[in-house]
């Protein structure tokens, strides 16, 4: 089976984190758990869009998921003219404000788990998440899923020069690791 790619239209929503508060009920106090951000509508849209692409049996083994979240631009990114709104040359492409990228990814992964795209979301071993402003005023998310067929060692070797003698030594020297980080 090759890669599965589809586009989910609509404004992406981030999965909120459960919060707790104490409610007063008469003379007693009771804890209450609530979810401040509800992504259920977005997750339903993901499920409806992805269902035709789901395999008959859930995918098994390690899975790679690439997600590109395209969010609507604020009005401050546009110059108003009499004919239409034009994008300012200084308008950024990267969406660097809240919500966080991992909360967008969590909502999408949960929705795909719900339609049995895979047996369990713990199978997602590799992912890439981009959070950008939509370039064509069409918000949504482009999703690509694929089974990982190579071993992790092969994936690591692709990161380092071919003449590497000692992989673990090169990993420790990698610019991907900060100087203060160590591998135990």
Protein backbone atom coordinates (compact mmCIF):
# COMPACT_ATOMS: atom_id res chain seq x y z
CA UNK A 1 0.00 0.00 0.00
CA UNK A 2 1.38 3.41 -0.96
CA UNK A 3 0.94 6.75 0.72
CA UNK A 4 -2.55 8.07 1.41
CA UNK A 5 -3.01 11.82 0.83
CA UNK A 6 -6.14 13.91 1.34
CA UNK A 7 -7.17 17.50 2.13
CA UNK A 8 -9.55 18.37 4.96
CA UNK A 9 -11.25 21.71 4.16
CA UNK A 10 -12.25 24.19 6.84
CA UNK A 11 -10.55 26.04 9.66
CA UNK A 12 -8.46 23.61 11.74
CA UNK A 13 -9.20 23.43 15.46
CA UNK A 14 -6.77 22.47 18.18
CA UNK A 15 -7.46 19.80 20.78
CA UNK A 16 -7.77 21.48 24.16
CA UNK A 17 -6.17 20.11 27.28
CA UNK A 18 -8.48 19.10 30.13
CA UNK A 19 -8.56 21.62 32.97
CA UNK A 20 -9.79 21.34 36.53
CA UNK A 21 -11.61 23.79 38.74
CA UNK A 22 -13.44 23.70 42.03
CA UNK A 23 -17.17 24.46 41.99
CA UNK A 24 -19.07 25.55 45.05
CA UNK A 25 -22.37 23.73 45.51
CA UNK A 26 -24.12 25.12 48.56
CA UNK A 27 -21.72 24.61 51.44
CA UNK A 28 -19.69 21.96 49.66
CA UNK A 29 -16.96 22.16 47.05
CA UNK A 30 -16.66 19.70 44.18
CA UNK A 31 -13.93 19.32 41.55
CA UNK A 32 -14.94 19.67 37.94
CA UNK A 33 -12.92 18.61 34.89
CA UNK A 34 -13.68 20.49 31.68
CA UNK A 35 -12.25 20.96 28.20
CA UNK A 36 -11.92 24.69 27.39
CA UNK A 37 -11.37 24.18 23.64
CA UNK A 38 -13.75 21.92 21.84
CA UNK A 39 -12.41 20.50 18.57
CA UNK A 40 -15.30 18.07 18.04
CA UNK A 41 -16.62 19.80 14.88
CA UNK A 42 -13.15 19.77 13.31
CA UNK A 43 -12.60 16.14 14.29
CA UNK A 44 -15.94 15.22 12.72
CA UNK A 45 -14.91 16.99 9.49
CA UNK A 46 -11.59 15.09 9.49
CA UNK A 47 -13.44 11.79 10.02
CA UNK A 48 -15.91 12.44 7.20
CA UNK A 49 -13.16 13.50 4.78
CA UNK A 50 -10.73 10.69 5.67
CA UNK A 51 -13.22 7.79 5.84
CA UNK A 52 -13.15 7.07 2.05
CA UNK A 53 -9.33 6.80 2.25
CA UNK A 54 -9.31 4.42 5.23
CA UNK A 55 -8.14 0.89 4.51
CA UNK A 56 -10.59 -1.99 5.02
CA UNK A 57 -8.51 -3.25 7.93
CA UNK A 58 -6.67 -0.77 10.22
CA UNK A 59 -3.05 -0.15 9.28
CA UNK A 60 -0.60 -2.10 11.42
CA UNK A 61 3.02 -1.37 12.29
CA UNK A 62 4.85 1.96 12.39
CA UNK A 63 3.22 4.87 10.56
CA UNK A 64 4.45 8.25 9.28
CA UNK A 65 2.02 11.18 9.25
CA UNK A 66 2.69 14.55 7.61
CA UNK A 67 0.22 17.33 8.40
CA UNK A 68 0.20 20.82 6.90
CA UNK A 69 -2.28 23.03 8.73
CA UNK A 70 -3.29 26.06 6.67
CA UNK A 71 -4.95 28.73 8.79
CA UNK A 72 -6.87 31.82 7.71
CA UNK A 73 -4.97 35.09 7.67
CA UNK A 74 -6.00 37.99 9.91
CA UNK A 75 -7.21 41.18 8.23
CA UNK A 76 -3.98 42.93 9.30
CA UNK A 77 -2.12 40.89 6.63
CA UNK A 78 -4.02 42.66 3.85
CA UNK A 79 -3.90 46.12 2.27
CA UNK A 80 -7.35 47.28 1.37
CA UNK A 81 -7.86 48.71 -2.08
CA UNK A 82 -11.09 49.72 -3.74
CA UNK A 83 -11.21 46.56 -5.86
CA UNK A 84 -10.02 43.90 -3.41
CA UNK A 85 -7.81 43.09 -0.46
CA UNK A 86 -4.17 42.55 -1.43
CA UNK A 87 -1.68 40.66 0.67
CA UNK A 88 1.00 42.88 2.19
CA UNK A 89 4.55 42.01 1.09
CA UNK A 90 5.50 41.80 4.77
CA UNK A 91 2.75 39.28 5.60
CA UNK A 92 4.34 36.13 7.09
CA UNK A 93 3.80 32.59 5.83
CA UNK A 94 4.46 30.85 9.16
CA UNK A 95 1.65 30.91 11.73
CA UNK A 96 3.58 31.64 14.93
CA UNK A 97 0.72 32.40 17.31
CA UNK A 98 -1.56 30.16 19.36
CA UNK A 99 -2.83 27.45 19.12
CA UNK A 100 0.27 25.29 19.31
CA UNK A 101 1.04 22.89 16.46
CA UNK A 102 0.93 19.81 18.71
CA UNK A 103 -2.65 20.57 19.74
CA UNK A 104 -3.69 20.70 16.06
CA UNK A 105 -1.91 17.39 15.47
CA UNK A 106 -3.55 15.77 18.51
CA UNK A 107 -7.06 16.58 17.22
CA UNK A 108 -6.28 15.20 13.76
CA UNK A 109 -4.59 12.02 15.08
CA UNK A 110 -7.51 11.40 17.47
CA UNK A 111 -10.01 11.74 14.59
CA UNK A 112 -8.07 9.30 12.41
CA UNK A 113 -7.83 6.84 15.29
CA UNK A 114 -11.61 7.13 15.71
CA UNK A 115 -12.27 5.92 12.15
CA UNK A 116 -9.78 3.03 12.58
CA UNK A 117 -7.23 4.35 10.08
CA UNK A 118 -4.79 2.43 12.30
CA UNK A 119 -5.20 0.17 15.30
CA UNK A 120 -3.85 2.70 17.82
CA UNK A 121 -2.34 6.17 17.65
CA UNK A 122 0.78 4.87 19.38
CA UNK A 123 1.71 3.45 15.95
CA UNK A 124 2.52 6.96 14.72
CA UNK A 125 6.32 6.88 15.01
CA UNK A 126 7.27 9.69 12.65
CA UNK A 127 5.46 12.92 11.93
CA UNK A 128 5.95 16.33 10.49
CA UNK A 129 3.61 19.15 11.37
CA UNK A 130 3.59 22.48 9.53
CA UNK A 131 1.47 25.40 10.68
CA UNK A 132 1.22 28.09 8.02
CA UNK A 133 -1.17 30.74 6.77
CA UNK A 134 -3.29 29.70 3.84
CA UNK A 135 -1.97 31.11 0.59
CA UNK A 136 -5.24 30.81 -1.32
CA UNK A 137 -7.71 31.84 1.43
CA UNK A 138 -8.80 28.18 1.74
CA UNK A 139 -8.01 26.95 5.24
CA UNK A 140 -7.67 23.27 5.95
CA UNK A 141 -5.13 20.52 6.42
CA UNK A 142 -3.19 18.47 3.88
CA UNK A 143 -2.54 15.00 5.34
CA UNK A 144 -0.21 12.27 4.08
CA UNK A 145 -0.05 8.86 5.78
CA UNK A 146 2.24 5.96 5.00
CA UNK A 147 3.52 2.78 6.55
CA UNK A 148 7.16 2.95 7.56
CA UNK A 149 8.98 0.08 5.92
CA UNK A 150 12.58 0.90 6.87
CA UNK A 151 14.23 0.25 10.21
CA UNK A 152 15.02 3.15 12.58
CA UNK A 153 18.76 2.62 12.15
CA UNK A 154 18.36 3.23 8.41
CA UNK A 155 16.40 6.42 9.14
CA UNK A 156 19.19 7.65 11.46
CA UNK A 157 21.88 6.80 8.93
CA UNK A 158 20.19 9.04 6.38
CA UNK A 159 20.82 11.96 8.75
CA UNK A 160 24.60 11.42 8.94
CA UNK A 161 27.40 11.32 6.36
CA UNK A 162 27.92 8.04 4.48
CA UNK A 163 31.50 7.68 5.71
CA UNK A 164 30.38 7.48 9.34
CA UNK A 165 32.45 4.89 11.22
CA UNK A 166 30.74 4.99 14.59
CA UNK A 167 27.04 5.86 14.45
CA UNK A 168 26.59 6.50 18.18
CA UNK A 169 29.64 8.80 18.23
CA UNK A 170 28.25 10.75 15.27
CA UNK A 171 24.82 10.98 16.87
CA UNK A 172 26.39 12.60 19.93
CA UNK A 173 28.20 15.09 17.67
CA UNK A 174 25.09 15.81 15.64
CA UNK A 175 24.02 19.46 15.19
CA UNK A 176 20.52 18.11 15.78
CA UNK A 177 21.42 17.75 19.46
CA UNK A 178 22.14 20.83 21.54
CA UNK A 179 25.44 20.92 23.38
CA UNK A 180 23.75 20.40 26.73
CA UNK A 181 21.78 17.32 25.64
CA UNK A 182 23.15 13.83 26.09
CA UNK A 183 21.91 10.42 25.12
CA UNK A 184 21.75 7.94 28.00
